[in-house]
């Protein structure tokens, strides 16, 4: 059996970077809103500092969209998403989709719901092995609570390899 040790903080195999794409260098990001204290860069980059905020938080309630537009088409093999909710119970739904170019029809990779409970289930981790060629745009749509319109969307981490 092959195994590797996983760092529980970063959720990446210890000793290797899995070929994570440097999104800061190869893509532009568009987001519907963001809390200035929790910018989208905090979820997309691997910067580490004592003052670093972990993750993105929407600037207001309701459904949110995070769109990555790659400078050049990419081959995607793995997508890692981590969501955290430590304040309230809610049922989140997200959809992850891609397209070769902005004006082309989006193709859904996954649609997932998760019931957050700060005491029992504060973290959702989704780790998808995929094989998608010619990805020009990747989009994450988050509905923070399918039953309450006033919840705030969050994203702790988004990695792509």
N, C-alpha and C. Protein backbone atom coordinates (compact mmCIF):
# COMPACT_ATOMS: atom_id res chain seq x y z
N UNK A 1 0.85 -1.19 0.00
CA UNK A 1 0.00 0.00 0.00
C UNK A 1 0.88 1.23 0.00
N UNK A 2 0.58 2.16 -0.90
CA UNK A 2 1.30 3.42 -0.94
C UNK A 2 0.59 4.42 -0.05
N UNK A 3 1.35 5.20 0.70
CA UNK A 3 0.73 6.22 1.55
C UNK A 3 1.66 7.40 1.68
N UNK A 4 1.09 8.52 2.10
CA UNK A 4 1.87 9.71 2.36
C UNK A 4 1.27 10.41 3.56
N UNK A 5 2.09 11.17 4.24
CA UNK A 5 1.62 11.93 5.39
C UNK A 5 1.00 13.22 4.89
N UNK A 6 -0.15 13.59 5.44
CA UNK A 6 -0.86 14.79 5.03
C UNK A 6 -0.81 15.80 6.16
N UNK A 7 -0.39 17.00 5.83
CA UNK A 7 -0.35 18.09 6.79
C UNK A 7 -1.78 18.56 7.02
N UNK A 8 -2.27 18.44 8.24
CA UNK A 8 -3.68 18.74 8.52
C UNK A 8 -4.02 20.21 8.40
N UNK A 9 -3.03 21.09 8.41
CA UNK A 9 -3.32 22.51 8.28
C UNK A 9 -3.49 22.92 6.82
N UNK A 10 -2.60 22.47 5.95
CA UNK A 10 -2.67 22.88 4.56
C UNK A 10 -3.38 21.88 3.67
N UNK A 11 -3.59 20.67 4.17
CA UNK A 11 -4.25 19.62 3.42
C UNK A 11 -3.50 19.23 2.16
N UNK A 12 -2.20 19.45 2.16
CA UNK A 12 -1.37 19.07 1.03
C UNK A 12 -0.39 18.00 1.50
N UNK A 13 -0.07 17.02 0.67
CA UNK A 13 0.87 15.99 1.08
C UNK A 13 2.20 16.61 1.51
N UNK A 14 2.71 16.16 2.65
CA UNK A 14 3.97 16.68 3.17
C UNK A 14 5.10 16.36 2.21
N UNK A 15 5.96 17.33 1.99
CA UNK A 15 7.14 17.11 1.19
C UNK A 15 6.95 17.27 -0.31
N UNK A 16 5.73 17.49 -0.78
CA UNK A 16 5.53 17.73 -2.21
C UNK A 16 4.41 18.74 -2.40
N UNK A 17 4.49 19.47 -3.49
CA UNK A 17 3.48 20.51 -3.69
C UNK A 17 2.36 20.08 -4.63
N UNK A 18 2.37 18.81 -5.08
CA UNK A 18 1.31 18.28 -5.93
C UNK A 18 1.16 19.03 -7.24
N UNK A 19 2.08 19.92 -7.55
CA UNK A 19 1.97 20.67 -8.79
C UNK A 19 0.87 21.72 -8.79
N UNK A 20 0.56 22.25 -7.61
CA UNK A 20 -0.48 23.28 -7.53
C UNK A 20 -0.12 24.44 -8.43
N UNK A 21 -1.09 24.93 -9.16
CA UNK A 21 -0.87 26.06 -10.05
C UNK A 21 -0.71 27.34 -9.23
N UNK A 22 0.18 28.21 -9.68
CA UNK A 22 0.36 29.51 -9.03
C UNK A 22 -0.67 30.45 -9.64
N UNK A 23 -1.87 30.45 -9.09
CA UNK A 23 -2.99 31.19 -9.66
C UNK A 23 -2.72 32.69 -9.72
N UNK A 24 -1.93 33.18 -8.80
CA UNK A 24 -1.61 34.60 -8.78
C UNK A 24 -0.86 35.03 -10.04
N UNK A 25 -0.07 34.10 -10.61
CA UNK A 25 0.74 34.41 -11.79
C UNK A 25 0.07 34.06 -13.11
N UNK A 26 -0.86 33.11 -13.11
CA UNK A 26 -1.38 32.61 -14.39
C UNK A 26 -2.86 32.89 -14.63
N UNK A 27 -3.52 33.59 -13.71
CA UNK A 27 -4.96 33.83 -13.88
C UNK A 27 -5.38 35.17 -13.30
N UNK A 28 -6.47 35.66 -13.82
CA UNK A 28 -7.14 36.82 -13.23
C UNK A 28 -8.34 36.28 -12.46
N UNK A 29 -8.70 36.96 -11.39
CA UNK A 29 -9.85 36.51 -10.61
C UNK A 29 -10.91 37.62 -10.60
N UNK A 30 -12.16 37.20 -10.72
CA UNK A 30 -13.30 38.12 -10.62
C UNK A 30 -14.21 37.55 -9.54
N UNK A 31 -14.63 38.40 -8.63
CA UNK A 31 -15.46 37.96 -7.52
C UNK A 31 -16.63 38.93 -7.37
N UNK A 32 -17.81 38.40 -7.03
CA UNK A 32 -18.99 39.26 -6.93
C UNK A 32 -18.87 40.23 -5.76
N UNK A 33 -18.23 39.82 -4.67
CA UNK A 33 -18.00 40.73 -3.54
C UNK A 33 -16.94 40.12 -2.63
N UNK A 34 -16.38 40.95 -1.74
CA UNK A 34 -15.45 40.42 -0.74
C UNK A 34 -15.38 41.36 0.44
N UNK A 35 -15.23 40.78 1.60
CA UNK A 35 -14.98 41.52 2.83
C UNK A 35 -13.54 42.00 2.73
N UNK A 36 -13.26 43.31 2.92
CA UNK A 36 -11.88 43.79 2.80
C UNK A 36 -10.91 43.11 3.77
N UNK A 37 -11.42 42.56 4.86
CA UNK A 37 -10.57 41.85 5.81
C UNK A 37 -10.31 40.39 5.41
N UNK A 38 -11.05 39.89 4.43
CA UNK A 38 -10.92 38.51 3.96
C UNK A 38 -10.92 38.48 2.43
N UNK A 39 -9.86 39.01 1.80
CA UNK A 39 -9.82 39.09 0.33
C UNK A 39 -9.67 37.71 -0.31
N UNK A 40 -10.04 37.63 -1.57
CA UNK A 40 -10.00 36.35 -2.29
C UNK A 40 -8.59 35.77 -2.36
N UNK A 41 -7.58 36.63 -2.39
CA UNK A 41 -6.19 36.14 -2.44
C UNK A 41 -5.87 35.21 -1.28
N UNK A 42 -6.51 35.43 -0.14
CA UNK A 42 -6.24 34.61 1.04
C UNK A 42 -6.67 33.16 0.85
N UNK A 43 -7.60 32.90 -0.06
CA UNK A 43 -8.04 31.53 -0.33
C UNK A 43 -7.29 30.91 -1.51
N UNK A 44 -6.73 31.74 -2.38
CA UNK A 44 -6.13 31.23 -3.61
C UNK A 44 -4.62 31.11 -3.57
N UNK A 45 -3.95 31.81 -2.67
CA UNK A 45 -2.49 31.80 -2.65
C UNK A 45 -1.96 31.05 -1.44
N UNK A 46 -0.68 30.71 -1.49
CA UNK A 46 -0.06 29.93 -0.43
C UNK A 46 0.81 30.78 0.48
N UNK A 47 0.58 32.08 0.50
CA UNK A 47 1.38 32.95 1.35
C UNK A 47 1.18 32.57 2.81
N UNK A 48 2.25 32.64 3.58
CA UNK A 48 2.15 32.35 5.00
C UNK A 48 2.81 33.48 5.79
N UNK A 49 2.07 34.02 6.73
CA UNK A 49 2.64 35.01 7.63
C UNK A 49 1.82 35.00 8.91
N UNK A 50 2.37 35.57 9.95
CA UNK A 50 1.69 35.58 11.24
C UNK A 50 0.38 36.37 11.17
N UNK A 51 0.34 37.40 10.32
CA UNK A 51 -0.86 38.24 10.23
C UNK A 51 -1.83 37.76 9.15
N UNK A 52 -1.46 36.71 8.43
CA UNK A 52 -2.27 36.27 7.30
C UNK A 52 -3.66 35.83 7.74
N UNK A 53 -4.64 36.29 6.99
CA UNK A 53 -6.02 35.87 7.18
C UNK A 53 -6.22 34.65 6.31
N UNK A 54 -6.87 33.65 6.84
CA UNK A 54 -7.10 32.47 6.03
C UNK A 54 -8.47 32.54 5.39
N UNK A 55 -8.47 32.54 4.09
CA UNK A 55 -9.70 32.43 3.36
C UNK A 55 -10.38 33.73 2.97
N UNK A 56 -11.38 33.55 2.11
CA UNK A 56 -12.18 34.63 1.57
C UNK A 56 -13.54 34.64 2.26
N UNK A 57 -14.11 35.83 2.35
CA UNK A 57 -15.45 36.00 2.90
C UNK A 57 -16.16 37.03 2.02
N UNK A 58 -17.41 36.73 1.66
CA UNK A 58 -18.18 37.65 0.84
C UNK A 58 -18.41 38.97 1.57
N UNK A 59 -18.60 40.03 0.79
CA UNK A 59 -18.87 41.34 1.36
C UNK A 59 -20.32 41.53 1.75
N UNK A 60 -21.17 40.59 1.39
CA UNK A 60 -22.59 40.69 1.72
C UNK A 60 -23.24 39.33 1.60
N UNK A 61 -24.51 39.26 1.95
CA UNK A 61 -25.21 37.98 1.92
C UNK A 61 -25.60 37.55 0.51
N UNK A 62 -26.00 36.30 0.39
CA UNK A 62 -26.52 35.78 -0.87
C UNK A 62 -25.50 35.03 -1.70
N UNK A 63 -25.97 34.55 -2.85
CA UNK A 63 -25.14 33.77 -3.75
C UNK A 63 -23.95 34.58 -4.24
N UNK A 64 -22.81 33.92 -4.35
CA UNK A 64 -21.57 34.58 -4.77
C UNK A 64 -20.90 33.77 -5.87
N UNK A 65 -20.09 34.45 -6.67
CA UNK A 65 -19.35 33.81 -7.75
C UNK A 65 -17.88 34.20 -7.68
N UNK A 66 -17.02 33.21 -7.85
CA UNK A 66 -15.57 33.43 -7.96
C UNK A 66 -15.17 32.84 -9.31
N UNK A 67 -14.62 33.67 -10.17
CA UNK A 67 -14.26 33.23 -11.52
C UNK A 67 -12.76 33.40 -11.74
N UNK A 68 -12.11 32.32 -12.16
CA UNK A 68 -10.70 32.36 -12.55
C UNK A 68 -10.63 32.34 -14.07
N UNK A 69 -9.96 33.33 -14.63
CA UNK A 69 -9.76 33.41 -16.08
C UNK A 69 -8.26 33.21 -16.32
N UNK A 70 -7.92 32.08 -16.90
CA UNK A 70 -6.51 31.75 -17.12
C UNK A 70 -5.94 32.52 -18.30
N UNK A 71 -4.68 32.92 -18.17
CA UNK A 71 -3.99 33.63 -19.26
C UNK A 71 -3.82 32.73 -20.47
N UNK A 72 -3.62 31.43 -20.24
CA UNK A 72 -3.49 30.43 -21.30
C UNK A 72 -4.28 29.20 -20.85
N UNK A 73 -4.83 28.44 -21.79
CA UNK A 73 -5.60 27.24 -21.42
C UNK A 73 -4.78 26.28 -20.55
N UNK A 74 -5.44 25.66 -19.60
CA UNK A 74 -4.78 24.77 -18.64
C UNK A 74 -5.34 23.35 -18.72
N UNK A 75 -4.51 22.40 -18.36
CA UNK A 75 -4.96 21.02 -18.15
C UNK A 75 -5.11 20.87 -16.64
N UNK A 76 -6.29 20.52 -16.20
CA UNK A 76 -6.58 20.42 -14.76
C UNK A 76 -6.68 18.95 -14.36
N UNK A 77 -5.95 18.56 -13.33
CA UNK A 77 -5.94 17.18 -12.84
C UNK A 77 -6.54 17.03 -11.46
N UNK A 78 -6.52 18.12 -10.68
CA UNK A 78 -6.99 18.02 -9.30
C UNK A 78 -7.54 19.37 -8.87
N UNK A 79 -8.63 19.32 -8.10
CA UNK A 79 -9.24 20.53 -7.55
C UNK A 79 -9.52 20.27 -6.08
N UNK A 80 -8.99 21.13 -5.24
CA UNK A 80 -9.18 21.00 -3.79
C UNK A 80 -9.93 22.24 -3.29
N UNK A 81 -11.05 22.01 -2.63
CA UNK A 81 -11.84 23.09 -2.02
C UNK A 81 -11.98 22.80 -0.54
N UNK A 82 -11.81 23.84 0.27
CA UNK A 82 -12.03 23.70 1.71
C UNK A 82 -12.87 24.89 2.17
N UNK A 83 -13.99 24.56 2.82
CA UNK A 83 -14.90 25.56 3.36
C UNK A 83 -14.92 25.40 4.87
N UNK A 84 -15.02 26.51 5.60
CA UNK A 84 -15.10 26.47 7.07
C UNK A 84 -16.25 27.36 7.52
N UNK A 85 -16.97 26.90 8.52
CA UNK A 85 -18.04 27.70 9.12
C UNK A 85 -18.04 27.44 10.62
N UNK A 86 -17.64 28.42 11.39
CA UNK A 86 -17.53 28.26 12.85
C UNK A 86 -18.57 29.06 13.61
N UNK A 87 -19.45 29.77 12.89
CA UNK A 87 -20.39 30.66 13.58
C UNK A 87 -21.85 30.20 13.56
N UNK A 88 -22.32 29.65 12.44
CA UNK A 88 -23.75 29.31 12.39
C UNK A 88 -24.00 28.02 11.62
N UNK A 89 -25.15 27.42 11.90
CA UNK A 89 -25.57 26.25 11.14
C UNK A 89 -26.18 26.72 9.84
N UNK A 90 -25.82 26.04 8.75
CA UNK A 90 -26.37 26.41 7.46
C UNK A 90 -26.16 25.26 6.48
N UNK A 91 -26.97 25.24 5.43
CA UNK A 91 -26.82 24.26 4.36
C UNK A 91 -26.36 24.99 3.11
N UNK A 92 -25.11 24.78 2.77
CA UNK A 92 -24.50 25.44 1.63
C UNK A 92 -24.61 24.54 0.39
N UNK A 93 -24.74 25.19 -0.76
CA UNK A 93 -24.64 24.47 -2.03
C UNK A 93 -23.63 25.23 -2.88
N UNK A 94 -22.74 24.47 -3.52
CA UNK A 94 -21.83 25.11 -4.47
C UNK A 94 -21.85 24.34 -5.78
N UNK A 95 -21.48 25.05 -6.82
CA UNK A 95 -21.36 24.47 -8.15
C UNK A 95 -20.00 24.88 -8.69
N UNK A 96 -19.28 23.94 -9.23
CA UNK A 96 -17.98 24.19 -9.84
C UNK A 96 -18.11 23.86 -11.32
N UNK A 97 -17.73 24.82 -12.18
CA UNK A 97 -17.85 24.58 -13.61
C UNK A 97 -16.68 25.19 -14.36
N UNK A 98 -16.54 24.80 -15.62
CA UNK A 98 -15.43 25.29 -16.44
C UNK A 98 -15.92 25.53 -17.86
N UNK A 99 -15.10 26.26 -18.60
CA UNK A 99 -15.35 26.49 -20.02
C UNK A 99 -14.01 26.80 -20.70
N UNK A 100 -13.90 26.48 -21.98
CA UNK A 100 -12.67 26.78 -22.70
C UNK A 100 -12.43 28.28 -22.84
N UNK A 101 -13.50 29.02 -23.11
CA UNK A 101 -13.40 30.47 -23.24
C UNK A 101 -14.61 31.11 -22.59
N UNK A 102 -14.48 32.39 -22.27
CA UNK A 102 -15.53 33.11 -21.54
C UNK A 102 -16.88 33.04 -22.24
N UNK A 103 -16.92 33.15 -23.55
CA UNK A 103 -18.20 33.21 -24.25
C UNK A 103 -18.78 31.83 -24.59
N UNK A 104 -18.12 30.77 -24.19
CA UNK A 104 -18.63 29.42 -24.46
C UNK A 104 -19.47 28.92 -23.29
N UNK A 105 -20.28 27.91 -23.57
CA UNK A 105 -21.18 27.35 -22.57
C UNK A 105 -20.39 26.65 -21.45
N UNK A 106 -20.78 26.91 -20.21
CA UNK A 106 -20.10 26.31 -19.05
C UNK A 106 -20.50 24.84 -18.91
N UNK A 107 -19.54 24.04 -18.47
CA UNK A 107 -19.78 22.62 -18.20
C UNK A 107 -19.58 22.38 -16.71
N UNK A 108 -20.58 21.82 -16.08
CA UNK A 108 -20.52 21.60 -14.63
C UNK A 108 -19.63 20.40 -14.31
N UNK A 109 -18.76 20.60 -13.33
CA UNK A 109 -17.90 19.54 -12.83
C UNK A 109 -18.61 18.84 -11.68
N UNK A 110 -19.15 19.64 -10.76
CA UNK A 110 -19.82 19.08 -9.59
C UNK A 110 -20.78 20.11 -9.00
N UNK A 111 -21.83 19.61 -8.37
CA UNK A 111 -22.75 20.42 -7.57
C UNK A 111 -22.88 19.66 -6.25
N UNK A 112 -22.64 20.35 -5.15
CA UNK A 112 -22.55 19.67 -3.85
C UNK A 112 -23.24 20.49 -2.76
N UNK A 113 -23.92 19.81 -1.84
CA UNK A 113 -24.49 20.46 -0.66
C UNK A 113 -23.78 19.94 0.58
N UNK A 114 -23.71 20.80 1.60
CA UNK A 114 -23.07 20.42 2.86
C UNK A 114 -23.81 21.11 3.99
N UNK A 115 -24.07 20.37 5.07
CA UNK A 115 -24.69 20.94 6.27
C UNK A 115 -23.61 21.28 7.28
N UNK A 116 -23.39 22.58 7.47
CA UNK A 116 -22.40 23.03 8.45
C UNK A 116 -23.03 23.08 9.83
N UNK A 117 -22.25 22.65 10.80
CA UNK A 117 -22.62 22.76 12.20
C UNK A 117 -21.34 23.11 12.96
N UNK A 118 -21.26 24.32 13.54
CA UNK A 118 -20.03 24.73 14.21
C UNK A 118 -19.54 23.75 15.28
N UNK A 119 -20.45 23.03 15.92
CA UNK A 119 -20.03 22.07 16.95
C UNK A 119 -19.72 20.69 16.40
N UNK A 120 -20.36 20.31 15.30
CA UNK A 120 -20.18 18.95 14.80
C UNK A 120 -19.51 18.81 13.45
N UNK A 121 -19.76 19.74 12.55
CA UNK A 121 -19.22 19.65 11.19
C UNK A 121 -18.89 21.05 10.67
N UNK A 122 -17.81 21.66 11.19
CA UNK A 122 -17.48 23.02 10.77
C UNK A 122 -16.67 23.11 9.47
N UNK A 123 -16.20 21.96 8.94
CA UNK A 123 -15.31 21.98 7.78
C UNK A 123 -15.81 21.03 6.70
N UNK A 124 -15.81 21.52 5.47
CA UNK A 124 -16.11 20.69 4.30
C UNK A 124 -14.87 20.70 3.42
N UNK A 125 -14.37 19.53 3.09
CA UNK A 125 -13.21 19.39 2.21
C UNK A 125 -13.62 18.55 1.02
N UNK A 126 -13.42 19.09 -0.17
CA UNK A 126 -13.72 18.37 -1.40
C UNK A 126 -12.44 18.31 -2.21
N UNK A 127 -12.01 17.10 -2.56
CA UNK A 127 -10.77 16.87 -3.28
C UNK A 127 -11.10 16.04 -4.52
N UNK A 128 -11.14 16.69 -5.68
CA UNK A 128 -11.57 16.04 -6.90
C UNK A 128 -10.40 15.73 -7.81
N UNK A 129 -10.32 14.49 -8.26
CA UNK A 129 -9.36 14.09 -9.29
C UNK A 129 -10.11 14.19 -10.61
N UNK A 130 -9.60 15.00 -11.52
CA UNK A 130 -10.25 15.23 -12.80
C UNK A 130 -9.21 15.15 -13.92
N UNK A 131 -9.67 15.16 -15.13
CA UNK A 131 -8.77 15.25 -16.28
C UNK A 131 -9.47 16.11 -17.32
N UNK A 132 -9.29 17.42 -17.21
CA UNK A 132 -9.98 18.37 -18.07
C UNK A 132 -8.93 19.15 -18.86
N UNK A 133 -9.06 19.11 -20.16
CA UNK A 133 -8.13 19.80 -21.07
C UNK A 133 -8.70 21.15 -21.50
N UNK A 134 -7.83 22.07 -21.82
CA UNK A 134 -8.20 23.34 -22.46
C UNK A 134 -9.12 24.20 -21.59
N UNK A 135 -8.83 24.29 -20.30
CA UNK A 135 -9.64 25.10 -19.39
C UNK A 135 -9.19 26.55 -19.46
N UNK A 136 -10.08 27.40 -19.92
CA UNK A 136 -9.80 28.83 -19.98
C UNK A 136 -10.41 29.59 -18.82
N UNK A 137 -11.54 29.07 -18.33
CA UNK A 137 -12.26 29.73 -17.24
C UNK A 137 -12.76 28.66 -16.27
N UNK A 138 -12.59 28.90 -14.98
CA UNK A 138 -13.16 28.03 -13.96
C UNK A 138 -13.94 28.92 -13.01
N UNK A 139 -15.14 28.45 -12.64
CA UNK A 139 -16.04 29.29 -11.85
C UNK A 139 -16.62 28.48 -10.70
N UNK A 140 -16.62 29.10 -9.53
CA UNK A 140 -17.21 28.53 -8.33
C UNK A 140 -18.37 29.42 -7.92
N UNK A 141 -19.57 28.84 -7.89
CA UNK A 141 -20.77 29.56 -7.47
C UNK A 141 -21.16 29.01 -6.11
N UNK A 142 -21.30 29.89 -5.12
CA UNK A 142 -21.60 29.47 -3.75
C UNK A 142 -22.92 30.08 -3.30
N UNK A 143 -23.86 29.23 -2.94
CA UNK A 143 -25.08 29.66 -2.27
C UNK A 143 -24.86 29.31 -0.80
N UNK A 144 -24.58 30.30 0.07
CA UNK A 144 -24.17 29.99 1.44
C UNK A 144 -25.23 29.29 2.28
N UNK A 145 -26.49 29.48 1.97
CA UNK A 145 -27.55 28.77 2.69
C UNK A 145 -28.77 28.67 1.80
N UNK A 146 -29.17 27.46 1.46
CA UNK A 146 -30.28 27.28 0.54
C UNK A 146 -31.63 27.65 1.15
N UNK A 147 -31.67 27.87 2.47
CA UNK A 147 -32.96 28.21 3.10
C UNK A 147 -33.00 29.62 3.70
N UNK A 148 -31.86 30.28 3.85
CA UNK A 148 -31.82 31.62 4.43
C UNK A 148 -31.01 32.54 3.52
N UNK A 149 -31.63 33.61 3.02
CA UNK A 149 -30.92 34.48 2.08
C UNK A 149 -29.90 35.44 2.72
N UNK A 150 -29.82 35.49 4.04
CA UNK A 150 -28.94 36.48 4.68
C UNK A 150 -27.61 35.92 5.16
N UNK A 151 -27.23 34.71 4.77
CA UNK A 151 -25.95 34.13 5.19
C UNK A 151 -24.82 34.62 4.29
N UNK A 152 -23.61 34.58 4.84
CA UNK A 152 -22.41 35.05 4.14
C UNK A 152 -21.60 33.85 3.64
N UNK A 153 -21.22 33.88 2.37
CA UNK A 153 -20.40 32.82 1.77
C UNK A 153 -18.94 32.97 2.21
N UNK A 154 -18.28 31.83 2.39
CA UNK A 154 -16.87 31.81 2.74
C UNK A 154 -16.17 30.70 1.93
N UNK A 155 -14.88 30.85 1.76
CA UNK A 155 -14.05 29.84 1.12
C UNK A 155 -12.68 29.90 1.79
N UNK A 156 -12.30 28.83 2.47
CA UNK A 156 -11.02 28.83 3.17
C UNK A 156 -9.85 28.58 2.21
N UNK A 157 -10.06 27.70 1.22
CA UNK A 157 -8.94 27.34 0.35
C UNK A 157 -9.45 26.79 -0.99
N UNK A 158 -8.78 27.19 -2.08
CA UNK A 158 -9.05 26.66 -3.40
C UNK A 158 -7.71 26.44 -4.08
N UNK A 159 -7.39 25.19 -4.35
CA UNK A 159 -6.15 24.83 -5.01
C UNK A 159 -6.49 24.06 -6.29
N UNK A 160 -5.69 24.27 -7.31
CA UNK A 160 -5.87 23.60 -8.59
C UNK A 160 -4.53 23.09 -9.07
N UNK A 161 -4.51 21.85 -9.53
CA UNK A 161 -3.28 21.28 -10.09
C UNK A 161 -3.57 20.73 -11.47
